[in-house]
Amino acid sequence: GWYRQAPGKERELVATKTSGGTTNYADSVQGRFTISRDNAKDTV
């Protein structure tokens, strides 16, 4: 997953992706951000 923390604010979820491929996005980034993963490279 990716999370973010703006100055003076709490850390919040941006997006997650399970090993099975299920994704979850914060409403504020839905449609603008895309999470992906390359398990062969151990990279998200």
All heavy atoms as atom14 arrays in JSON, in Angstrom:
{
  "sequence": "GWYRQAPGKERELVATKTSGGTTNYADSVQGRFTISRDNAKDTV",
  "atom14_mask": [
    [1, 1, 1, 1, 0, 0, 0, 0, 0, 0, 0, 0, 0, 0],
    [1, 1, 1, 1, 1, 1, 1, 1, 1, 1, 1, 1, 1, 1],
    [1, 1, 1, 1, 1, 1, 1, 1, 1, 1, 1, 1, 0, 0],
    [1, 1, 1, 1, 1, 1, 1, 1, 1, 1, 1, 0, 0, 0],
    [1, 1, 1, 1, 1, 1, 1, 1, 1, 0, 0, 0, 0, 0],
    [1, 1, 1, 1, 1, 0, 0, 0, 0, 0, 0, 0, 0, 0],
    [1, 1, 1, 1, 1, 1, 1, 0, 0, 0, 0, 0, 0, 0],
    [1, 1, 1, 1, 0, 0, 0, 0, 0, 0, 0, 0, 0, 0],
    [1, 1, 1, 1, 1, 1, 1, 1, 1, 0, 0, 0, 0, 0],
    [1, 1, 1, 1, 1, 1, 1, 1, 1, 0, 0, 0, 0, 0],
    [1, 1, 1, 1, 1, 1, 1, 1, 1, 1, 1, 0, 0, 0],
    [1, 1, 1, 1, 1, 1, 1, 1, 1, 0, 0, 0, 0, 0],
    [1, 1, 1, 1, 1, 1, 1, 1, 0, 0, 0, 0, 0, 0],
    [1, 1, 1, 1, 1, 1, 1, 0, 0, 0, 0, 0, 0, 0],
    [1, 1, 1, 1, 1, 0, 0, 0, 0, 0, 0, 0, 0, 0],
    [1, 1, 1, 1, 1, 1, 1, 0, 0, 0, 0, 0, 0, 0],
    [1, 1, 1, 1, 1, 1, 1, 1, 1, 0, 0, 0, 0, 0],
    [1, 1, 1, 1, 1, 1, 1, 0, 0, 0, 0, 0, 0, 0],
    [1, 1, 1, 1, 1, 1, 0, 0, 0, 0, 0, 0, 0, 0],
    [1, 1, 1, 1, 0, 0, 0, 0, 0, 0, 0, 0, 0, 0],
    [1, 1, 1, 1, 0, 0, 0, 0, 0, 0, 0, 0, 0, 0],
    [1, 1, 1, 1, 1, 1, 1, 0, 0, 0, 0, 0, 0, 0],
    [1, 1, 1, 1, 1, 1, 1, 0, 0, 0, 0, 0, 0, 0],
    [1, 1, 1, 1, 1, 1, 1, 1, 0, 0, 0, 0, 0, 0],
    [1, 1, 1, 1, 1, 1, 1, 1, 1, 1, 1, 1, 0, 0],
    [1, 1, 1, 1, 1, 0, 0, 0, 0, 0, 0, 0, 0, 0],
    [1, 1, 1, 1, 1, 1, 1, 1, 0, 0, 0, 0, 0, 0],
    [1, 1, 1, 1, 1, 1, 0, 0, 0, 0, 0, 0, 0, 0],
    [1, 1, 1, 1, 1, 1, 1, 0, 0, 0, 0, 0, 0, 0],
    [1, 1, 1, 1, 1, 1, 1, 1, 1, 0, 0, 0, 0, 0],
    [1, 1, 1, 1, 0, 0, 0, 0, 0, 0, 0, 0, 0, 0],
    [1, 1, 1, 1, 1, 1, 1, 1, 1, 1, 1, 0, 0, 0],
    [1, 1, 1, 1, 1, 1, 1, 1, 1, 1, 1, 0, 0, 0],
    [1, 1, 1, 1, 1, 1, 1, 0, 0, 0, 0, 0, 0, 0],
    [1, 1, 1, 1, 1, 1, 1, 1, 0, 0, 0, 0, 0, 0],
    [1, 1, 1, 1, 1, 1, 0, 0, 0, 0, 0, 0, 0, 0],
    [1, 1, 1, 1, 1, 1, 1, 1, 1, 1, 1, 0, 0, 0],
    [1, 1, 1, 1, 1, 1, 1, 1, 0, 0, 0, 0, 0, 0],
    [1, 1, 1, 1, 1, 1, 1, 1, 0, 0, 0, 0, 0, 0],
    [1, 1, 1, 1, 1, 0, 0, 0, 0, 0, 0, 0, 0, 0],
    [1, 1, 1, 1, 1, 1, 1, 1, 1, 0, 0, 0, 0, 0],
    [1, 1, 1, 1, 1, 1, 1, 1, 0, 0, 0, 0, 0, 0],
    [1, 1, 1, 1, 1, 1, 1, 0, 0, 0, 0, 0, 0, 0],
    [1, 1, 1, 1, 1, 1, 1, 0, 0, 0, 0, 0, 0, 0]
  ],
  "atom14_positions": [
    [[0.8, -1.21, 0.0], [0.0, 0.0, 0.0], [0.83, 1.26, 0.0], [2.04, 1.24, 0.27], [0.0, 0.0, 0.0], [0.0, 0.0, 0.0], [0.0, 0.0, 0.0], [0.0, 0.0, 0.0], [0.0, 0.0, 0.0], [0.0, 0.0, 0.0], [0.0, 0.0, 0.0], [0.0, 0.0, 0.0], [0.0, 0.0, 0.0], [0.0, 0.0, 0.0]],
    [[0.15, 2.33, -0.35], [0.72, 3.67, -0.27], [-0.14, 4.5, 0.69], [-1.38, 4.45, 0.62], [0.74, 4.34, -1.63], [1.75, 3.77, -2.57], [1.55, 2.82, -3.51], [3.13, 4.12, -2.64], [2.72, 2.54, -4.17], [3.72, 3.34, -3.66], [3.95, 5.03, -1.96], [5.06, 3.43, -4.01], [5.28, 5.12, -2.3], [5.83, 4.34, -3.31]],
    [[0.52, 5.22, 1.55], [-0.12, 6.13, 2.48], [0.56, 7.49, 2.34], [1.66, 7.58, 1.78], [0.02, 5.62, 3.92], [-0.74, 4.34, 4.19], [-0.31, 3.12, 3.68], [-1.91, 4.35, 4.95], [-1.01, 1.95, 3.9], [-2.62, 3.18, 5.19], [-2.16, 1.99, 4.66], [-2.86, 0.84, 4.9], [0.0, 0.0, 0.0], [0.0, 0.0, 0.0]],
    [[-0.08, 8.52, 2.85], [0.55, 9.83, 2.79], [0.24, 10.63, 4.04], [-0.77, 10.4, 4.71], [0.09, 10.6, 1.55], [-1.37, 11.0, 1.55], [-1.75, 11.62, 0.21], [-3.15, 12.05, 0.18], [-3.76, 12.49, -0.91], [-3.1, 12.55, -2.08], [-5.03, 12.86, -0.85], [0.0, 0.0, 0.0], [0.0, 0.0, 0.0], [0.0, 0.0, 0.0]],
    [[1.12, 11.57, 4.31], [0.94, 12.45, 5.46], [1.3, 13.87, 5.05], [2.45, 14.15, 4.72], [1.8, 12.0, 6.63], [1.52, 12.77, 7.91], [2.13, 12.12, 9.14], [3.01, 11.27, 9.04], [1.65, 12.5, 10.32], [0.0, 0.0, 0.0], [0.0, 0.0, 0.0], [0.0, 0.0, 0.0], [0.0, 0.0, 0.0], [0.0, 0.0, 0.0]],
    [[0.3, 14.71, 5.08], [0.5, 16.13, 4.78], [0.89, 16.86, 6.05], [0.6, 16.4, 7.16], [-0.78, 16.72, 4.18], [0.0, 0.0, 0.0], [0.0, 0.0, 0.0], [0.0, 0.0, 0.0], [0.0, 0.0, 0.0], [0.0, 0.0, 0.0], [0.0, 0.0, 0.0], [0.0, 0.0, 0.0], [0.0, 0.0, 0.0], [0.0, 0.0, 0.0]],
    [[1.53, 18.02, 5.93], [1.92, 18.78, 7.11], [0.74, 19.06, 8.02], [-0.31, 19.54, 7.57], [2.49, 20.07, 6.52], [2.96, 19.69, 5.17], [1.97, 18.66, 4.68], [0.0, 0.0, 0.0], [0.0, 0.0, 0.0], [0.0, 0.0, 0.0], [0.0, 0.0, 0.0], [0.0, 0.0, 0.0], [0.0, 0.0, 0.0], [0.0, 0.0, 0.0]],
    [[0.9, 18.73, 9.3], [-0.15, 19.02, 10.27], [-1.33, 18.07, 10.24], [-2.31, 18.27, 10.95], [0.0, 0.0, 0.0], [0.0, 0.0, 0.0], [0.0, 0.0, 0.0], [0.0, 0.0, 0.0], [0.0, 0.0, 0.0], [0.0, 0.0, 0.0], [0.0, 0.0, 0.0], [0.0, 0.0, 0.0], [0.0, 0.0, 0.0], [0.0, 0.0, 0.0]],
    [[-1.23, 17.02, 9.44], [-2.33, 16.07, 9.33], [-1.86, 14.67, 9.67], [-0.67, 14.39, 9.7], [-2.92, 16.1, 7.93], [-3.58, 17.42, 7.56], [-4.3, 17.31, 6.23], [-5.03, 18.6, 5.9], [-5.77, 18.5, 4.6], [0.0, 0.0, 0.0], [0.0, 0.0, 0.0], [0.0, 0.0, 0.0], [0.0, 0.0, 0.0], [0.0, 0.0, 0.0]],
    [[-2.83, 13.79, 9.91], [-2.51, 12.4, 10.21], [-2.21, 11.64, 8.91], [-2.66, 12.03, 7.82], [-3.68, 11.74, 10.94], [-3.93, 12.31, 12.32], [-4.98, 11.53, 13.08], [-5.61, 10.65, 12.49], [-5.17, 11.82, 14.28], [0.0, 0.0, 0.0], [0.0, 0.0, 0.0], [0.0, 0.0, 0.0], [0.0, 0.0, 0.0], [0.0, 0.0, 0.0]],
    [[-1.48, 10.56, 9.05], [-1.22, 9.7, 7.91], [-2.52, 9.07, 7.43], [-3.34, 8.63, 8.25], [-0.22, 8.62, 8.27], [0.32, 7.83, 7.1], [1.42, 6.87, 7.53], [2.58, 7.57, 8.07], [3.74, 6.97, 8.36], [3.87, 5.67, 8.16], [4.74, 7.67, 8.86], [0.0, 0.0, 0.0], [0.0, 0.0, 0.0], [0.0, 0.0, 0.0]],
    [[-2.72, 9.03, 6.12], [-3.95, 8.48, 5.57], [-3.65, 7.51, 4.44], [-2.63, 7.6, 3.76], [-4.84, 9.61, 5.03], [-4.26, 10.39, 3.89], [-5.2, 11.44, 3.33], [-6.3, 11.63, 3.87], [-4.82, 12.1, 2.33], [0.0, 0.0, 0.0], [0.0, 0.0, 0.0], [0.0, 0.0, 0.0], [0.0, 0.0, 0.0], [0.0, 0.0, 0.0]],
    [[-4.59, 6.6, 4.25], [-4.46, 5.62, 3.17], [-4.64, 6.31, 1.82], [-5.53, 7.15, 1.66], [-5.5, 4.52, 3.35], [-5.55, 3.43, 2.28], [-5.92, 2.1, 2.92], [-6.53, 3.75, 1.17], [0.0, 0.0, 0.0], [0.0, 0.0, 0.0], [0.0, 0.0, 0.0], [0.0, 0.0, 0.0], [0.0, 0.0, 0.0], [0.0, 0.0, 0.0]],
    [[-3.79, 5.92, 0.87], [-3.96, 6.37, -0.51], [-4.5, 5.23, -1.35], [-5.53, 5.36, -2.01], [-2.63, 6.88, -1.08], [-2.78, 7.24, -2.56], [-2.11, 8.07, -0.29], [0.0, 0.0, 0.0], [0.0, 0.0, 0.0], [0.0, 0.0, 0.0], [0.0, 0.0, 0.0], [0.0, 0.0, 0.0], [0.0, 0.0, 0.0], [0.0, 0.0, 0.0]],
    [[-3.79, 4.1, -1.32], [-4.2, 2.96, -2.13], [-3.52, 1.7, -1.61], [-2.4, 1.77, -1.1], [-3.83, 3.17, -3.6], [0.0, 0.0, 0.0], [0.0, 0.0, 0.0], [0.0, 0.0, 0.0], [0.0, 0.0, 0.0], [0.0, 0.0, 0.0], [0.0, 0.0, 0.0], [0.0, 0.0, 0.0], [0.0, 0.0, 0.0], [0.0, 0.0, 0.0]],
    [[-4.23, 0.58, -1.75], [-3.63, -0.71, -1.43], [-3.94, -1.71, -2.53], [-4.92, -1.55, -3.28], [-4.15, -1.28, -0.1], [-5.57, -1.48, -0.19], [-3.84, -0.37, 1.07], [0.0, 0.0, 0.0], [0.0, 0.0, 0.0], [0.0, 0.0, 0.0], [0.0, 0.0, 0.0], [0.0, 0.0, 0.0], [0.0, 0.0, 0.0], [0.0, 0.0, 0.0]],
    [[-3.09, -2.74, -2.61], [-3.33, -3.82, -3.57], [-2.91, -5.12, -2.91], [-1.77, -5.27, -2.48], [-2.57, -3.61, -4.87], [-2.95, -4.61, -5.95], [-2.52, -4.13, -7.32], [-3.09, -5.03, -8.41], [-2.88, -4.51, -9.77], [0.0, 0.0, 0.0], [0.0, 0.0, 0.0], [0.0, 0.0, 0.0], [0.0, 0.0, 0.0], [0.0, 0.0, 0.0]],
    [[-3.86, -6.06, -2.85], [-3.57, -7.34, -2.23], [-2.77, -8.24, -3.16], [-2.62, -7.96, -4.36], [-4.87, -8.07, -1.84], [-5.54, -8.46, -3.04], [-5.78, -7.18, -1.01], [0.0, 0.0, 0.0], [0.0, 0.0, 0.0], [0.0, 0.0, 0.0], [0.0, 0.0, 0.0], [0.0, 0.0, 0.0], [0.0, 0.0, 0.0], [0.0, 0.0, 0.0]],
    [[-2.31, -9.35, -2.63], [-1.58, -10.31, -3.45], [-2.49, -10.91, -4.52], [-2.02, -11.34, -5.57], [-0.98, -11.41, -2.59], [-1.98, -12.07, -1.85], [0.0, 0.0, 0.0], [0.0, 0.0, 0.0], [0.0, 0.0, 0.0], [0.0, 0.0, 0.0], [0.0, 0.0, 0.0], [0.0, 0.0, 0.0], [0.0, 0.0, 0.0], [0.0, 0.0, 0.0]],
    [[-3.78, -10.91, -4.26], [-4.73, -11.43, -5.24], [-5.16, -10.41, -6.26], [-5.91, -10.73, -7.19], [0.0, 0.0, 0.0], [0.0, 0.0, 0.0], [0.0, 0.0, 0.0], [0.0, 0.0, 0.0], [0.0, 0.0, 0.0], [0.0, 0.0, 0.0], [0.0, 0.0, 0.0], [0.0, 0.0, 0.0], [0.0, 0.0, 0.0], [0.0, 0.0, 0.0]],
    [[-4.71, -9.15, -6.09], [-5.01, -8.13, -7.08], [-6.13, -7.17, -6.73], [-6.43, -6.26, -7.51], [0.0, 0.0, 0.0], [0.0, 0.0, 0.0], [0.0, 0.0, 0.0], [0.0, 0.0, 0.0], [0.0, 0.0, 0.0], [0.0, 0.0, 0.0], [0.0, 0.0, 0.0], [0.0, 0.0, 0.0], [0.0, 0.0, 0.0], [0.0, 0.0, 0.0]],
    [[-6.75, -7.36, -5.58], [-7.82, -6.44, -5.18], [-7.24, -5.1, -4.78], [-6.3, -5.03, -4.0], [-8.62, -7.02, -4.0], [-9.18, -8.27, -4.39], [-9.74, -6.07, -3.6], [0.0, 0.0, 0.0], [0.0, 0.0, 0.0], [0.0, 0.0, 0.0], [0.0, 0.0, 0.0], [0.0, 0.0, 0.0], [0.0, 0.0, 0.0], [0.0, 0.0, 0.0]],
    [[-7.83, -4.03, -5.33], [-7.34, -2.69, -5.03], [-8.36, -1.9, -4.21], [-9.56, -2.18, -4.25], [-7.04, -1.91, -6.31], [-8.22, -1.87, -7.13], [-5.92, -2.55, -7.1], [0.0, 0.0, 0.0], [0.0, 0.0, 0.0], [0.0, 0.0, 0.0], [0.0, 0.0, 0.0], [0.0, 0.0, 0.0], [0.0, 0.0, 0.0], [0.0, 0.0, 0.0]],
    [[-7.84, -0.94, -3.49], [-8.67, -0.05, -2.68], [-8.04, 1.33, -2.75], [-6.83, 1.47, -2.59], [-8.72, -0.53, -1.23], [-9.59, 0.34, -0.35], [-10.67, 0.75, -0.77], [-9.13, 0.65, 0.85], [0.0, 0.0, 0.0], [0.0, 0.0, 0.0], [0.0, 0.0, 0.0], [0.0, 0.0, 0.0], [0.0, 0.0, 0.0], [0.0, 0.0, 0.0]],
    [[-8.87, 2.33, -3.02], [-8.38, 3.69, -3.15], [-9.14, 4.64, -2.23], [-10.34, 4.48, -2.0], [-8.55, 4.2, -4.59], [-7.71, 3.5, -5.62], [-8.2, 2.43, -6.34], [-6.4, 3.93, -5.87], [-7.42, 1.78, -7.29], [-5.63, 3.3, -6.82], [-6.13, 2.23, -7.52], [-5.35, 1.6, -8.46], [0.0, 0.0, 0.0], [0.0, 0.0, 0.0]],
    [[-8.44, 5.65, -1.78], [-9.11, 6.73, -1.09], [-10.01, 7.47, -2.08], [-9.67, 7.59, -3.27], [-8.1, 7.7, -0.5], [0.0, 0.0, 0.0], [0.0, 0.0, 0.0], [0.0, 0.0, 0.0], [0.0, 0.0, 0.0], [0.0, 0.0, 0.0], [0.0, 0.0, 0.0], [0.0, 0.0, 0.0], [0.0, 0.0, 0.0], [0.0, 0.0, 0.0]],
    [[-11.14, 7.95, -1.61], [-12.06, 8.66, -2.49], [-11.37, 9.84, -3.18], [-11.66, 10.15, -4.35], [-13.27, 9.17, -1.7], [-14.19, 8.06, -1.26], [-14.09, 6.94, -1.81], [-15.02, 8.29, -0.36], [0.0, 0.0, 0.0], [0.0, 0.0, 0.0], [0.0, 0.0, 0.0], [0.0, 0.0, 0.0], [0.0, 0.0, 0.0], [0.0, 0.0, 0.0]],
    [[-10.46, 10.48, -2.47], [-9.83, 11.7, -2.98], [-8.89, 11.44, -4.17], [-8.56, 12.38, -4.9], [-9.05, 12.39, -1.87], [-8.07, 11.53, -1.33], [0.0, 0.0, 0.0], [0.0, 0.0, 0.0], [0.0, 0.0, 0.0], [0.0, 0.0, 0.0], [0.0, 0.0, 0.0], [0.0, 0.0, 0.0], [0.0, 0.0, 0.0], [0.0, 0.0, 0.0]],
    [[-8.48, 10.19, -4.36], [-7.55, 9.88, -5.46], [-8.16, 8.95, -6.5], [-7.54, 8.69, -7.53], [-6.23, 9.28, -4.93], [-5.63, 10.17, -3.86], [-6.43, 7.86, -4.42], [0.0, 0.0, 0.0], [0.0, 0.0, 0.0], [0.0, 0.0, 0.0], [0.0, 0.0, 0.0], [0.0, 0.0, 0.0], [0.0, 0.0, 0.0], [0.0, 0.0, 0.0]],
    [[-9.35, 8.43, -6.21], [-10.01, 7.52, -7.14], [-10.1, 8.14, -8.53], [-10.53, 9.28, -8.69], [-11.41, 7.19, -6.61], [-12.19, 6.2, -7.45], [-11.73, 4.78, -7.23], [-11.53, 4.35, -6.11], [-11.56, 4.04, -8.31], [0.0, 0.0, 0.0], [0.0, 0.0, 0.0], [0.0, 0.0, 0.0], [0.0, 0.0, 0.0], [0.0, 0.0, 0.0]],
    [[-9.66, 7.38, -9.52], [-9.73, 7.87, -10.89], [-8.51, 8.65, -11.33], [-8.35, 8.92, -12.53], [0.0, 0.0, 0.0], [0.0, 0.0, 0.0], [0.0, 0.0, 0.0], [0.0, 0.0, 0.0], [0.0, 0.0, 0.0], [0.0, 0.0, 0.0], [0.0, 0.0, 0.0], [0.0, 0.0, 0.0], [0.0, 0.0, 0.0], [0.0, 0.0, 0.0]],
    [[-7.68, 9.04, -10.4], [-6.46, 9.8, -10.74], [-5.19, 9.0, -10.47], [-4.2, 9.14, -11.19], [-6.4, 11.1, -9.93], [-7.55, 12.05, -10.18], [-7.31, 13.39, -9.48], [-7.25, 13.27, -8.04], [-6.21, 13.67, -7.3], [-5.15, 14.22, -7.88], [-6.23, 13.53, -5.98], [0.0, 0.0, 0.0], [0.0, 0.0, 0.0], [0.0, 0.0, 0.0]],
    [[-5.21, 8.18, -9.44], [-4.04, 7.39, -9.04], [-4.27, 5.92, -9.36], [-5.4, 5.43, -9.27], [-3.77, 7.53, -7.55], [-3.31, 8.89, -7.08], [-3.32, 10.0, -7.92], [-2.85, 9.04, -5.78], [-2.89, 11.23, -7.48], [-2.41, 10.28, -5.32], [-2.44, 11.38, -6.17], [0.0, 0.0, 0.0], [0.0, 0.0, 0.0], [0.0, 0.0, 0.0]],
    [[-3.18, 5.23, -9.68], [-3.25, 3.79, -9.94], [-2.11, 3.09, -9.23], [-0.95, 3.46, -9.43], [-3.17, 3.5, -11.44], [-4.23, 4.18, -12.12], [-3.3, 2.0, -11.69], [0.0, 0.0, 0.0], [0.0, 0.0, 0.0], [0.0, 0.0, 0.0], [0.0, 0.0, 0.0], [0.0, 0.0, 0.0], [0.0, 0.0, 0.0], [0.0, 0.0, 0.0]],
    [[-2.45, 2.1, -8.43], [-1.43, 1.29, -7.76], [-1.21, 0.02, -8.58], [-2.16, -0.57, -9.11], [-1.84, 0.95, -6.31], [-0.69, 0.24, -5.58], [-3.13, 0.14, -6.25], [-0.93, 0.07, -4.09], [0.0, 0.0, 0.0], [0.0, 0.0, 0.0], [0.0, 0.0, 0.0], [0.0, 0.0, 0.0], [0.0, 0.0, 0.0], [0.0, 0.0, 0.0]],
    [[0.04, -0.37, -8.7], [0.36, -1.61, -9.39], [1.55, -2.27, -8.69], [2.23, -1.63, -7.9], [0.68, -1.35, -10.87], [1.8, -0.5, -11.0], [0.0, 0.0, 0.0], [0.0, 0.0, 0.0], [0.0, 0.0, 0.0], [0.0, 0.0, 0.0], [0.0, 0.0, 0.0], [0.0, 0.0, 0.0], [0.0, 0.0, 0.0], [0.0, 0.0, 0.0]],
    [[1.74, -3.54, -8.99], [2.84, -4.24, -8.36], [3.47, -5.2, -9.34], [2.79, -5.76, -10.21], [2.36, -4.99, -7.11], [1.23, -5.95, -7.34], [0.6, -6.42, -6.02], [1.5, -7.28, -5.27], [1.32, -7.6, -3.99], [0.29, -7.12, -3.33], [2.18, -8.39, -3.38], [0.0, 0.0, 0.0], [0.0, 0.0, 0.0], [0.0, 0.0, 0.0]],
    [[4.77, -5.39, -9.19], [5.53, -6.35, -9.98], [6.17, -7.3, -8.99], [7.22, -6.99, -8.42], [6.56, -5.63, -10.83], [7.28, -6.56, -11.79], [7.31, -7.78, -11.51], [7.83, -6.08, -12.79], [0.0, 0.0, 0.0], [0.0, 0.0, 0.0], [0.0, 0.0, 0.0], [0.0, 0.0, 0.0], [0.0, 0.0, 0.0], [0.0, 0.0, 0.0]],
    [[5.53, -8.45, -8.78], [6.04, -9.37, -7.76], [7.41, -9.93, -8.14], [8.21, -10.25, -7.26], [5.05, -10.52, -7.56], [3.78, -10.07, -6.87], [3.74, -9.02, -6.23], [2.71, -10.84, -7.03], [0.0, 0.0, 0.0], [0.0, 0.0, 0.0], [0.0, 0.0, 0.0], [0.0, 0.0, 0.0], [0.0, 0.0, 0.0], [0.0, 0.0, 0.0]],
    [[7.69, -10.03, -9.42], [8.99, -10.55, -9.85], [10.12, -9.6, -9.46], [11.26, -10.04, -9.25], [8.99, -10.79, -11.35], [0.0, 0.0, 0.0], [0.0, 0.0, 0.0], [0.0, 0.0, 0.0], [0.0, 0.0, 0.0], [0.0, 0.0, 0.0], [0.0, 0.0, 0.0], [0.0, 0.0, 0.0], [0.0, 0.0, 0.0], [0.0, 0.0, 0.0]],
    [[9.79, -8.31, -9.38], [10.8, -7.31, -9.02], [10.65, -6.85, -7.57], [11.39, -5.98, -7.12], [10.69, -6.1, -9.94], [11.02, -6.4, -11.39], [10.94, -5.14, -12.24], [11.32, -5.44, -13.69], [11.24, -4.22, -14.54], [0.0, 0.0, 0.0], [0.0, 0.0, 0.0], [0.0, 0.0, 0.0], [0.0, 0.0, 0.0], [0.0, 0.0, 0.0]],
    [[9.66, -7.42, -6.86], [9.4, -7.02, -5.47], [9.23, -5.51, -5.37], [9.78, -4.85, -4.47], [10.52, -7.5, -4.54], [10.62, -9.02, -4.52], [9.58, -9.68, -4.55], [11.76, -9.53, -4.49], [0.0, 0.0, 0.0], [0.0, 0.0, 0.0], [0.0, 0.0, 0.0], [0.0, 0.0, 0.0], [0.0, 0.0, 0.0], [0.0, 0.0, 0.0]],
    [[8.46, -4.98, -6.27], [8.29, -3.54, -6.37], [6.82, -3.19, -6.54], [6.08, -3.9, -7.24], [9.09, -2.97, -7.55], [10.48, -3.27, -7.35], [8.95, -1.46, -7.65], [0.0, 0.0, 0.0], [0.0, 0.0, 0.0], [0.0, 0.0, 0.0], [0.0, 0.0, 0.0], [0.0, 0.0, 0.0], [0.0, 0.0, 0.0], [0.0, 0.0, 0.0]],
    [[6.42, -2.11, -5.91], [5.05, -1.59, -6.07], [5.16, -0.15, -6.55], [6.12, 0.56, -6.21], [4.27, -1.7, -4.75], [4.89, -0.86, -3.65], [2.81, -1.33, -4.95], [0.0, 0.0, 0.0], [0.0, 0.0, 0.0], [0.0, 0.0, 0.0], [0.0, 0.0, 0.0], [0.0, 0.0, 0.0], [0.0, 0.0, 0.0], [0.0, 0.0, 0.0]]
  ]
}
